[in-house]
């Protein structure tokens, strides 16, 4: 299933994109797409049955904003340097264990919402990423099978980063990762049953129409199952939590000088096979 949330900020309603591409209203069945729903097998079964029967009312998608596909996210866990080609382009050694950092849930916005260039920024960068959405409470997982069983689904994420804040201002990476609007998510949460192999997805990003990133999740240093299992050794993952699993080569930081960092007026577009497409205009904060 392709689950999503549509409407103005703060008043989004739950919806489903059916196999014909028609947007269907779920508000008569569930109150929202959130961790509680993703952990409720019976509720998900009701949605599947209603979608198959054709009883869900259609929504007029014209002019309708798409919000982030998951509400009430508890935490956003991110994996750094998780593609072989990205590690090479930045001159970094291949990590022996996953690099973990966090983004605040309030960085999450809709897939086509405006991204703000922070005040004082000169090095705002792009990063298209496969996002994993958790559907079962996960702690101390012991196997890849247990890890994948804890996954509710997948989505496109844009891990926007301010490199000077991240690297040149001291401390950890948080200052360059948690600026307002720095984690567009969606358009859909595609349930795990529709993504049989998360390691075979094409990942692409354009800036002003120019292709900048063109990779595949097959190049991940630590695949999805290992990432989920590993993270569960250090923190409890709850339904609705999100893990951004890293970005392939092609970020601005890895380009020759002068590096083409983002500026107000730029437009970023990104997509992952089967998970949809995002488009964000950029403006100054």
C-alpha atoms as a PDB file:
ATOM      1  CA  UNK A   1       0.000   0.000   0.000  1.00  0.00           C
ATOM      2  CA  UNK A   2       0.951   3.606  -0.540  1.00  0.00           C
ATOM      3  CA  UNK A   3      -0.148   5.546   2.543  1.00  0.00           C
ATOM      4  CA  UNK A   4       0.026   9.323   2.725  1.00  0.00           C
ATOM      5  CA  UNK A   5      -1.330  12.388   4.466  1.00  0.00           C
ATOM      6  CA  UNK A   6      -2.825  15.307   2.573  1.00  0.00           C
ATOM      7  CA  UNK A   7      -4.028  18.784   3.402  1.00  0.00           C
ATOM      8  CA  UNK A   8      -2.778  21.977   5.036  1.00  0.00           C
ATOM      9  CA  UNK A   9      -0.004  21.865   7.620  1.00  0.00           C
ATOM     10  CA  UNK A  10      -1.380  20.628  10.924  1.00  0.00           C
ATOM     11  CA  UNK A  11      -4.692  19.415   9.516  1.00  0.00           C
ATOM     12  CA  UNK A  12      -3.603  16.631   7.181  1.00  0.00           C
ATOM     13  CA  UNK A  13      -5.981  13.722   6.627  1.00  0.00           C
ATOM     14  CA  UNK A  14      -4.956  10.087   6.050  1.00  0.00           C
ATOM     15  CA  UNK A  15      -5.163   8.825   2.500  1.00  0.00           C
ATOM     16  CA  UNK A  16      -4.180   5.983   0.213  1.00  0.00           C
ATOM     17  CA  UNK A  17      -2.960   6.010  -3.378  1.00  0.00           C
ATOM     18  CA  UNK A  18      -4.564   3.014  -5.074  1.00  0.00           C
ATOM     19  CA  UNK A  19      -3.169   0.896  -7.893  1.00  0.00           C
ATOM     20  CA  UNK A  20      -4.854   3.067 -10.528  1.00  0.00           C
ATOM     21  CA  UNK A  21      -3.244   6.216  -9.131  1.00  0.00           C
ATOM     22  CA  UNK A  22      -6.467   7.482  -7.570  1.00  0.00           C
ATOM     23  CA  UNK A  23      -6.199   9.217  -4.211  1.00  0.00           C
ATOM     24  CA  UNK A  24      -8.553   7.661  -1.643  1.00  0.00           C
ATOM     25  CA  UNK A  25      -9.764   9.092   1.668  1.00  0.00           C
ATOM     26  CA  UNK A  26      -8.967   6.990   4.760  1.00  0.00           C
ATOM     27  CA  UNK A  27     -10.405   9.382   7.345  1.00  0.00           C
ATOM     28  CA  UNK A  28     -13.537   7.247   7.702  1.00  0.00           C
ATOM     29  CA  UNK A  29     -11.402   4.292   8.783  1.00  0.00           C
ATOM     30  CA  UNK A  30      -8.468   5.744  10.730  1.00  0.00           C
ATOM     31  CA  UNK A  31      -7.653   9.043  12.390  1.00  0.00           C
ATOM     32  CA  UNK A  32      -4.103   9.346  11.038  1.00  0.00           C
ATOM     33  CA  UNK A  33      -1.058   7.550   9.641  1.00  0.00           C
ATOM     34  CA  UNK A  34       1.094   7.248  12.759  1.00  0.00           C
ATOM     35  CA  UNK A  35       2.992   4.770  14.876  1.00  0.00           C
ATOM     36  CA  UNK A  36      -0.134   3.424  16.518  1.00  0.00           C
ATOM     37  CA  UNK A  37      -1.655   2.581  13.141  1.00  0.00           C
ATOM     38  CA  UNK A  38       1.555   1.035  11.797  1.00  0.00           C
ATOM     39  CA  UNK A  39       1.694  -1.293  14.798  1.00  0.00           C
ATOM     40  CA  UNK A  40      -1.965  -2.321  14.433  1.00  0.00           C
ATOM     41  CA  UNK A  41      -2.192  -5.288  12.070  1.00  0.00           C
ATOM     42  CA  UNK A  42      -5.985  -5.372  12.261  1.00  0.00           C
ATOM     43  CA  UNK A  43      -6.336  -1.727  11.266  1.00  0.00           C
ATOM     44  CA  UNK A  44      -3.918  -2.198   8.365  1.00  0.00           C
ATOM     45  CA  UNK A  45      -5.913  -5.260   7.270  1.00  0.00           C
ATOM     46  CA  UNK A  46      -9.098  -3.177   7.291  1.00  0.00           C
ATOM     47  CA  UNK A  47      -7.429  -0.589   5.074  1.00  0.00           C
ATOM     48  CA  UNK A  48      -6.297  -3.289   2.632  1.00  0.00           C
ATOM     49  CA  UNK A  49      -9.769  -4.792   2.527  1.00  0.00           C
ATOM     50  CA  UNK A  50     -11.419  -1.419   1.954  1.00  0.00           C
ATOM     51  CA  UNK A  51      -8.938  -0.579  -0.786  1.00  0.00           C
ATOM     52  CA  UNK A  52      -9.587  -3.901  -2.523  1.00  0.00           C
ATOM     53  CA  UNK A  53     -13.367  -3.530  -2.318  1.00  0.00           C
ATOM     54  CA  UNK A  54     -13.363  -0.093  -3.928  1.00  0.00           C
ATOM     55  CA  UNK A  55     -15.400   1.409  -1.111  1.00  0.00           C
ATOM     56  CA  UNK A  56     -12.955   4.184  -0.213  1.00  0.00           C
ATOM     57  CA  UNK A  57     -14.109   7.604  -1.451  1.00  0.00           C
ATOM     58  CA  UNK A  58     -11.914   9.373  -3.971  1.00  0.00           C
ATOM     59  CA  UNK A  59     -10.239  12.681  -3.163  1.00  0.00           C
ATOM     60  CA  UNK A  60      -9.632  15.485  -5.634  1.00  0.00           C
ATOM     61  CA  UNK A  61      -5.839  15.709  -5.678  1.00  0.00           C
ATOM     62  CA  UNK A  62      -5.679  18.946  -7.667  1.00  0.00           C
ATOM     63  CA  UNK A  63      -4.059  21.670  -5.584  1.00  0.00           C
ATOM     64  CA  UNK A  64      -3.955  19.400  -2.541  1.00  0.00           C
ATOM     65  CA  UNK A  65      -0.780  19.593  -0.465  1.00  0.00           C
ATOM     66  CA  UNK A  66       0.957  16.350   0.465  1.00  0.00           C
ATOM     67  CA  UNK A  67       2.333  16.270   3.991  1.00  0.00           C
ATOM     68  CA  UNK A  68       4.878  13.940   5.520  1.00  0.00           C
ATOM     69  CA  UNK A  69       3.380  10.425   5.371  1.00  0.00           C
ATOM     70  CA  UNK A  70       3.863   9.711   9.078  1.00  0.00           C
ATOM     71  CA  UNK A  71       2.516  11.848  11.945  1.00  0.00           C
ATOM     72  CA  UNK A  72       3.872  12.004  15.471  1.00  0.00           C
ATOM     73  CA  UNK A  73       7.381  10.795  14.635  1.00  0.00           C
ATOM     74  CA  UNK A  74       9.261  10.089  17.858  1.00  0.00           C
ATOM     75  CA  UNK A  75      12.787  10.290  16.476  1.00  0.00           C
ATOM     76  CA  UNK A  76      14.718  10.480  13.237  1.00  0.00           C
ATOM     77  CA  UNK A  77      17.885   8.381  13.343  1.00  0.00           C
ATOM     78  CA  UNK A  78      20.398   8.983  10.554  1.00  0.00           C
ATOM     79  CA  UNK A  79      23.271   6.905   9.217  1.00  0.00           C
ATOM     80  CA  UNK A  80      26.294   8.805   7.913  1.00  0.00           C
ATOM     81  CA  UNK A  81      28.720   7.694   5.182  1.00  0.00           C
ATOM     82  CA  UNK A  82      26.712   4.595   4.302  1.00  0.00           C
ATOM     83  CA  UNK A  83      27.508   4.357   0.579  1.00  0.00           C
ATOM     84  CA  UNK A  84      30.873   3.227  -0.736  1.00  0.00           C
ATOM     85  CA  UNK A  85      30.887   5.876  -3.488  1.00  0.00           C
ATOM     86  CA  UNK A  86      29.949   8.683  -1.076  1.00  0.00           C
ATOM     87  CA  UNK A  87      32.776   7.738   1.300  1.00  0.00           C
ATOM     88  CA  UNK A  88      35.196   7.798  -1.633  1.00  0.00           C
ATOM     89  CA  UNK A  89      34.049  11.193  -2.936  1.00  0.00           C
ATOM     90  CA  UNK A  90      34.467  12.806   0.493  1.00  0.00           C
ATOM     91  CA  UNK A  91      37.848  11.164   1.093  1.00  0.00           C
ATOM     92  CA  UNK A  92      36.573   9.366   4.194  1.00  0.00           C
ATOM     93  CA  UNK A  93      37.590   5.886   5.286  1.00  0.00           C
ATOM     94  CA  UNK A  94      34.900   3.229   5.031  1.00  0.00           C
ATOM     95  CA  UNK A  95      33.305   3.064   8.492  1.00  0.00           C
ATOM     96  CA  UNK A  96      33.789  -0.151  10.444  1.00  0.00           C
ATOM     97  CA  UNK A  97      30.434   0.380  12.161  1.00  0.00           C
ATOM     98  CA  UNK A  98      27.448   2.533  11.192  1.00  0.00           C
ATOM     99  CA  UNK A  99      27.842   6.235  12.031  1.00  0.00           C
ATOM    100  CA  UNK A 100      24.735   7.390  13.894  1.00  0.00           C
ATOM    101  CA  UNK A 101      23.425  10.917  14.362  1.00  0.00           C
ATOM    102  CA  UNK A 102      19.982  12.301  15.062  1.00  0.00           C
ATOM    103  CA  UNK A 103      17.592  14.799  13.563  1.00  0.00           C
ATOM    104  CA  UNK A 104      14.784  16.352  15.566  1.00  0.00           C
ATOM    105  CA  UNK A 105      11.314  15.252  14.420  1.00  0.00           C
ATOM    106  CA  UNK A 106      10.362  18.885  13.831  1.00  0.00           C
ATOM    107  CA  UNK A 107      12.763  19.015  10.868  1.00  0.00           C
ATOM    108  CA  UNK A 108      10.302  16.774   8.998  1.00  0.00           C
ATOM    109  CA  UNK A 109       8.122  18.519   6.404  1.00  0.00           C
ATOM    110  CA  UNK A 110       6.145  17.459   3.361  1.00  0.00           C
ATOM    111  CA  UNK A 111       7.854  16.267   0.186  1.00  0.00           C
ATOM    112  CA  UNK A 112       7.063  19.411  -1.800  1.00  0.00           C
ATOM    113  CA  UNK A 113       7.257  21.978   0.994  1.00  0.00           C
ATOM    114  CA  UNK A 114       9.704  24.877   0.804  1.00  0.00           C
ATOM    115  CA  UNK A 115      13.176  24.230   2.239  1.00  0.00           C
ATOM    116  CA  UNK A 116      14.714  27.179   4.074  1.00  0.00           C
ATOM    117  CA  UNK A 117      18.349  28.194   3.633  1.00  0.00           C
ATOM    118  CA  UNK A 118      19.462  29.041   7.200  1.00  0.00           C
ATOM    119  CA  UNK A 119      20.609  32.558   8.017  1.00  0.00           C
ATOM    120  CA  UNK A 120      24.362  32.802   7.585  1.00  0.00           C
ATOM    121  CA  UNK A 121      24.508  29.641   5.498  1.00  0.00           C
ATOM    122  CA  UNK A 122      26.967  29.337   2.636  1.00  0.00           C
ATOM    123  CA  UNK A 123      27.152  25.534   2.413  1.00  0.00           C
ATOM    124  CA  UNK A 124      23.629  24.107   2.375  1.00  0.00           C
ATOM    125  CA  UNK A 125      23.835  20.692   0.708  1.00  0.00           C
ATOM    126  CA  UNK A 126      21.494  18.026  -0.641  1.00  0.00           C
ATOM    127  CA  UNK A 127      21.274  14.305   0.223  1.00  0.00           C
ATOM    128  CA  UNK A 128      18.642  11.931  -1.162  1.00  0.00           C
ATOM    129  CA  UNK A 129      18.083   8.992   1.198  1.00  0.00           C
ATOM    130  CA  UNK A 130      16.021   5.857   1.655  1.00  0.00           C
ATOM    131  CA  UNK A 131      13.995   6.259   4.849  1.00  0.00           C
ATOM    132  CA  UNK A 132      12.946   3.225   6.882  1.00  0.00           C
ATOM    133  CA  UNK A 133       9.788   3.601   8.972  1.00  0.00           C
ATOM    134  CA  UNK A 134       9.518   1.348  12.017  1.00  0.00           C
ATOM    135  CA  UNK A 135       6.322  -0.610  12.679  1.00  0.00           C
ATOM    136  CA  UNK A 136       7.215  -2.706  15.730  1.00  0.00           C
ATOM    137  CA  UNK A 137       8.969  -1.864  18.972  1.00  0.00           C
ATOM    138  CA  UNK A 138      12.535  -3.032  18.453  1.00  0.00           C
ATOM    139  CA  UNK A 139      15.229  -3.475  21.067  1.00  0.00           C
ATOM    140  CA  UNK A 140      18.302  -5.697  20.973  1.00  0.00           C
ATOM    141  CA  UNK A 141      17.331  -7.382  17.731  1.00  0.00           C
ATOM    142  CA  UNK A 142      19.402 -10.478  17.053  1.00  0.00           C
ATOM    143  CA  UNK A 143      19.047 -11.106  13.333  1.00  0.00           C
ATOM    144  CA  UNK A 144      18.417  -9.518   9.967  1.00  0.00           C
ATOM    145  CA  UNK A 145      15.088 -11.347   9.845  1.00  0.00           C
ATOM    146  CA  UNK A 146      13.960  -9.745  13.089  1.00  0.00           C
ATOM    147  CA  UNK A 147      15.123  -6.360  11.819  1.00  0.00           C
ATOM    148  CA  UNK A 148      13.167  -6.517   8.569  1.00  0.00           C
ATOM    149  CA  UNK A 149      10.105  -7.781  10.455  1.00  0.00           C
ATOM    150  CA  UNK A 150      10.204  -4.535  12.470  1.00  0.00           C
ATOM    151  CA  UNK A 151       9.975  -2.384   9.317  1.00  0.00           C
ATOM    152  CA  UNK A 152       6.542  -0.979   8.450  1.00  0.00           C
ATOM    153  CA  UNK A 153       7.643   0.530   5.164  1.00  0.00           C
ATOM    154  CA  UNK A 154       9.872   2.866   3.234  1.00  0.00           C
ATOM    155  CA  UNK A 155       9.846   6.460   1.993  1.00  0.00           C
ATOM    156  CA  UNK A 156      11.977   9.062   0.261  1.00  0.00           C
ATOM    157  CA  UNK A 157      13.854  11.412   2.600  1.00  0.00           C
ATOM    158  CA  UNK A 158      15.915  14.521   1.871  1.00  0.00           C
ATOM    159  CA  UNK A 159      18.620  14.863   4.512  1.00  0.00           C
ATOM    160  CA  UNK A 160      19.367  18.538   3.903  1.00  0.00           C
ATOM    161  CA  UNK A 161      22.655  19.552   5.559  1.00  0.00           C
ATOM    162  CA  UNK A 162      24.550  22.763   6.238  1.00  0.00           C
ATOM    163  CA  UNK A 163      28.194  21.687   5.939  1.00  0.00           C
ATOM    164  CA  UNK A 164      29.831  24.671   7.624  1.00  0.00           C
ATOM    165  CA  UNK A 165      27.505  24.361  10.601  1.00  0.00           C
ATOM    166  CA  UNK A 166      28.032  20.574  10.594  1.00  0.00           C
ATOM    167  CA  UNK A 167      31.812  20.415  10.280  1.00  0.00           C
ATOM    168  CA  UNK A 168      33.392  23.804  10.903  1.00  0.00           C
ATOM    169  CA  UNK A 169      31.537  25.116  13.957  1.00  0.00           C
ATOM    170  CA  UNK A 170      32.701  22.630  16.593  1.00  0.00           C
ATOM    171  CA  UNK A 171      30.912  19.879  18.450  1.00  0.00           C
ATOM    172  CA  UNK A 172      28.950  17.138  16.740  1.00  0.00           C
ATOM    173  CA  UNK A 173      26.946  17.246  13.515  1.00  0.00           C
ATOM    174  CA  UNK A 174      23.692  18.438  15.064  1.00  0.00           C
ATOM    175  CA  UNK A 175      24.057  22.116  14.167  1.00  0.00           C
ATOM    176  CA  UNK A 176      24.238  21.315  10.457  1.00  0.00           C
ATOM    177  CA  UNK A 177      21.440  18.776  10.447  1.00  0.00           C
ATOM    178  CA  UNK A 178      18.596  20.243  12.497  1.00  0.00           C
ATOM    179  CA  UNK A 179      17.747  23.499  10.778  1.00  0.00           C
ATOM    180  CA  UNK A 180      14.079  24.150  10.095  1.00  0.00           C
ATOM    181  CA  UNK A 181      12.640  22.139   7.132  1.00  0.00           C
ATOM    182  CA  UNK A 182      15.804  20.017   6.811  1.00  0.00           C
ATOM    183  CA  UNK A 183      14.028  16.644   6.416  1.00  0.00           C
ATOM    184  CA  UNK A 184      11.357  16.526   3.707  1.00  0.00           C
ATOM    185  CA  UNK A 185       9.720  13.082   3.809  1.00  0.00           C
ATOM    186  CA  UNK A 186       7.387  11.292   1.407  1.00  0.00           C
ATOM    187  CA  UNK A 187       5.255  11.534  -0.656  1.00  0.00           C
ATOM    188  CA  UNK A 188       4.199   8.051   0.430  1.00  0.00           C
ATOM    189  CA  UNK A 189       4.906   5.441   3.024  1.00  0.00           C
ATOM    190  CA  UNK A 190       5.145   2.318   0.882  1.00  0.00           C
ATOM    191  CA  UNK A 191       4.476  -0.724   3.038  1.00  0.00           C
ATOM    192  CA  UNK A 192       7.268  -3.264   3.326  1.00  0.00           C
ATOM    193  CA  UNK A 193       5.379  -5.971   1.447  1.00  0.00           C
ATOM    194  CA  UNK A 194       5.669  -3.840  -1.697  1.00  0.00           C
ATOM    195  CA  UNK A 195       9.457  -3.451  -1.338  1.00  0.00           C
ATOM    196  CA  UNK A 196      10.727  -7.040  -1.333  1.00  0.00           C
ATOM    197  CA  UNK A 197      14.381  -5.988  -1.651  1.00  0.00           C
ATOM    198  CA  UNK A 198      15.349  -2.602  -0.192  1.00  0.00           C
ATOM    199  CA  UNK A 199      18.876  -3.148  -1.562  1.00  0.00           C
ATOM    200  CA  UNK A 200      17.825  -2.874  -5.209  1.00  0.00           C
ATOM    201  CA  UNK A 201      16.400   0.643  -5.419  1.00  0.00           C
ATOM    202  CA  UNK A 202      17.614   3.402  -7.716  1.00  0.00           C
ATOM    203  CA  UNK A 203      18.199   6.713  -5.916  1.00  0.00           C
ATOM    204  CA  UNK A 204      18.364  10.024  -7.823  1.00  0.00           C
ATOM    205  CA  UNK A 205      18.446  13.785  -7.182  1.00  0.00           C
ATOM    206  CA  UNK A 206      18.416  16.835  -9.451  1.00  0.00           C
ATOM    207  CA  UNK A 207      19.215  20.494  -8.756  1.00  0.00           C
ATOM    208  CA  UNK A 208      17.619  22.952 -11.180  1.00  0.00           C
ATOM    209  CA  UNK A 209      17.093  20.069 -13.600  1.00  0.00           C
ATOM    210  CA  UNK A 210      20.708  18.830 -13.509  1.00  0.00           C
ATOM    211  CA  UNK A 211      21.187  15.256 -12.313  1.00  0.00           C
ATOM    212  CA  UNK A 212      23.516  15.333  -9.294  1.00  0.00           C
ATOM    213  CA  UNK A 213      23.022  11.953  -7.597  1.00  0.00           C
ATOM    214  CA  UNK A 214      22.342   8.699  -9.423  1.00  0.00           C
ATOM    215  CA  UNK A 215      22.988   5.717  -7.186  1.00  0.00           C
ATOM    216  CA  UNK A 216      21.559   2.474  -5.923  1.00  0.00           C
ATOM    217  CA  UNK A 217      20.903   1.118  -2.461  1.00  0.00           C
ATOM    218  CA  UNK A 218      22.950  -1.926  -3.524  1.00  0.00           C
ATOM    219  CA  UNK A 219      25.989   0.282  -2.807  1.00  0.00           C
ATOM    220  CA  UNK A 220      25.131   0.716   0.873  1.00  0.00           C
ATOM    221  CA  UNK A 221      27.966  -0.249   3.199  1.00  0.00           C
ATOM    222  CA  UNK A 222      25.488  -1.382   5.863  1.00  0.00           C
ATOM    223  CA  UNK A 223      22.230  -2.654   4.337  1.00  0.00           C
ATOM    224  CA  UNK A 224      18.823  -1.854   5.778  1.00  0.00           C
ATOM    225  CA  UNK A 225      18.529  -5.002   7.876  1.00  0.00           C
ATOM    226  CA  UNK A 226      21.952  -4.480   9.444  1.00  0.00           C
ATOM    227  CA  UNK A 227      21.215  -0.806  10.123  1.00  0.00           C
ATOM    228  CA  UNK A 228      17.945  -1.557  11.935  1.00  0.00           C
ATOM    229  CA  UNK A 229      19.493  -4.409  13.926  1.00  0.00           C
ATOM    230  CA  UNK A 230      22.531  -2.288  14.834  1.00  0.00           C
ATOM    231  CA  UNK A 231      20.564   0.779  15.904  1.00  0.00           C
ATOM    232  CA  UNK A 232      18.380  -1.390  18.155  1.00  0.00           C
ATOM    233  CA  UNK A 233      21.469  -2.262  20.216  1.00  0.00           C
ATOM    234  CA  UNK A 234      21.838   1.374  21.296  1.00  0.00           C
ATOM    235  CA  UNK A 235      18.276   2.707  21.489  1.00  0.00           C
ATOM    236  CA  UNK A 236      14.750   1.368  21.445  1.00  0.00           C
ATOM    237  CA  UNK A 237      12.971   1.905  18.156  1.00  0.00           C
ATOM    238  CA  UNK A 238       9.236   2.533  18.357  1.00  0.00           C
ATOM    239  CA  UNK A 239       6.485   2.396  15.725  1.00  0.00           C
ATOM    240  CA  UNK A 240       6.616   5.569  13.664  1.00  0.00           C
ATOM    241  CA  UNK A 241      10.330   6.196  14.228  1.00  0.00           C
ATOM    242  CA  UNK A 242      12.296   6.931  11.049  1.00  0.00           C
ATOM    243  CA  UNK A 243      15.804   5.884  10.028  1.00  0.00           C
ATOM    244  CA  UNK A 244      17.502   7.759   7.167  1.00  0.00           C
ATOM    245  CA  UNK A 245      19.948   5.247   5.715  1.00  0.00           C
ATOM    246  CA  UNK A 246      22.557   7.451   4.037  1.00  0.00           C
ATOM    247  CA  UNK A 247      23.176   9.058   0.668  1.00  0.00           C
ATOM    248  CA  UNK A 248      25.079   8.053  -2.485  1.00  0.00           C
ATOM    249  CA  UNK A 249      27.812  10.079  -4.189  1.00  0.00           C
ATOM    250  CA  UNK A 250      27.076  13.406  -5.839  1.00  0.00           C
ATOM    251  CA  UNK A 251      26.593  15.817  -2.940  1.00  0.00           C
ATOM    252  CA  UNK A 252      27.873  19.376  -3.291  1.00  0.00           C
ATOM    253  CA  UNK A 253      30.546  18.803  -0.644  1.00  0.00           C
ATOM    254  CA  UNK A 254      32.134  16.160  -2.880  1.00  0.00           C
ATOM    255  CA  UNK A 255      32.318  18.418  -5.960  1.00  0.00           C
ATOM    256  CA  UNK A 256      35.382  20.378  -7.162  1.00  0.00           C
ATOM    257  CA  UNK A 257      35.697  24.020  -6.148  1.00  0.00           C
ATOM    258  CA  UNK A 258      33.707  26.149  -6.379  1.00  0.00           C
ATOM    259  CA  UNK A 259      31.296  23.717  -4.786  1.00  0.00           C
ATOM    260  CA  UNK A 260      27.713  24.239  -6.012  1.00  0.00           C
ATOM    261  CA  UNK A 261      25.962  24.601  -2.668  1.00  0.00           C
ATOM    262  CA  UNK A 262      22.278  25.436  -2.645  1.00  0.00           C
ATOM    263  CA  UNK A 263      21.006  28.997  -2.832  1.00  0.00           C
ATOM    264  CA  UNK A 264      17.611  30.646  -2.500  1.00  0.00           C
ATOM    265  CA  UNK A 265      15.716  30.192  -5.763  1.00  0.00           C
ATOM    266  CA  UNK A 266      17.114  26.721  -6.470  1.00  0.00           C
ATOM    267  CA  UNK A 267      14.761  23.769  -6.956  1.00  0.00           C
ATOM    268  CA  UNK A 268      15.678  20.265  -5.794  1.00  0.00           C
ATOM    269  CA  UNK A 269      13.904  17.168  -7.096  1.00  0.00           C
ATOM    270  CA  UNK A 270      14.540  13.633  -5.862  1.00  0.00           C
ATOM    271  CA  UNK A 271      13.137  10.157  -6.270  1.00  0.00           C
ATOM    272  CA  UNK A 272      13.613   6.519  -5.336  1.00  0.00           C
ATOM    273  CA  UNK A 273      12.306   3.667  -7.457  1.00  0.00           C
ATOM    274  CA  UNK A 274       8.742   2.806  -6.438  1.00  0.00           C
ATOM    275  CA  UNK A 275       8.668   5.298  -3.557  1.00  0.00           C
ATOM    276  CA  UNK A 276       7.709   8.475  -5.387  1.00  0.00           C
ATOM    277  CA  UNK A 277       9.216  11.853  -6.086  1.00  0.00           C
ATOM    278  CA  UNK A 278       9.800  15.097  -4.178  1.00  0.00           C
ATOM    279  CA  UNK A 279      10.199  18.686  -5.397  1.00  0.00           C
ATOM    280  CA  UNK A 280      11.295  21.526  -3.117  1.00  0.00           C
ATOM    281  CA  UNK A 281      11.879  25.198  -3.910  1.00  0.00           C
ATOM    282  CA  UNK A 282      14.458  26.877  -1.677  1.00  0.00           C
ATOM    283  CA  UNK A 283      14.236  30.300  -0.106  1.00  0.00           C
ATOM    284  CA  UNK A 284      16.054  32.197   2.611  1.00  0.00           C
ATOM    285  CA  UNK A 285      14.970  31.723   6.204  1.00  0.00           C
END
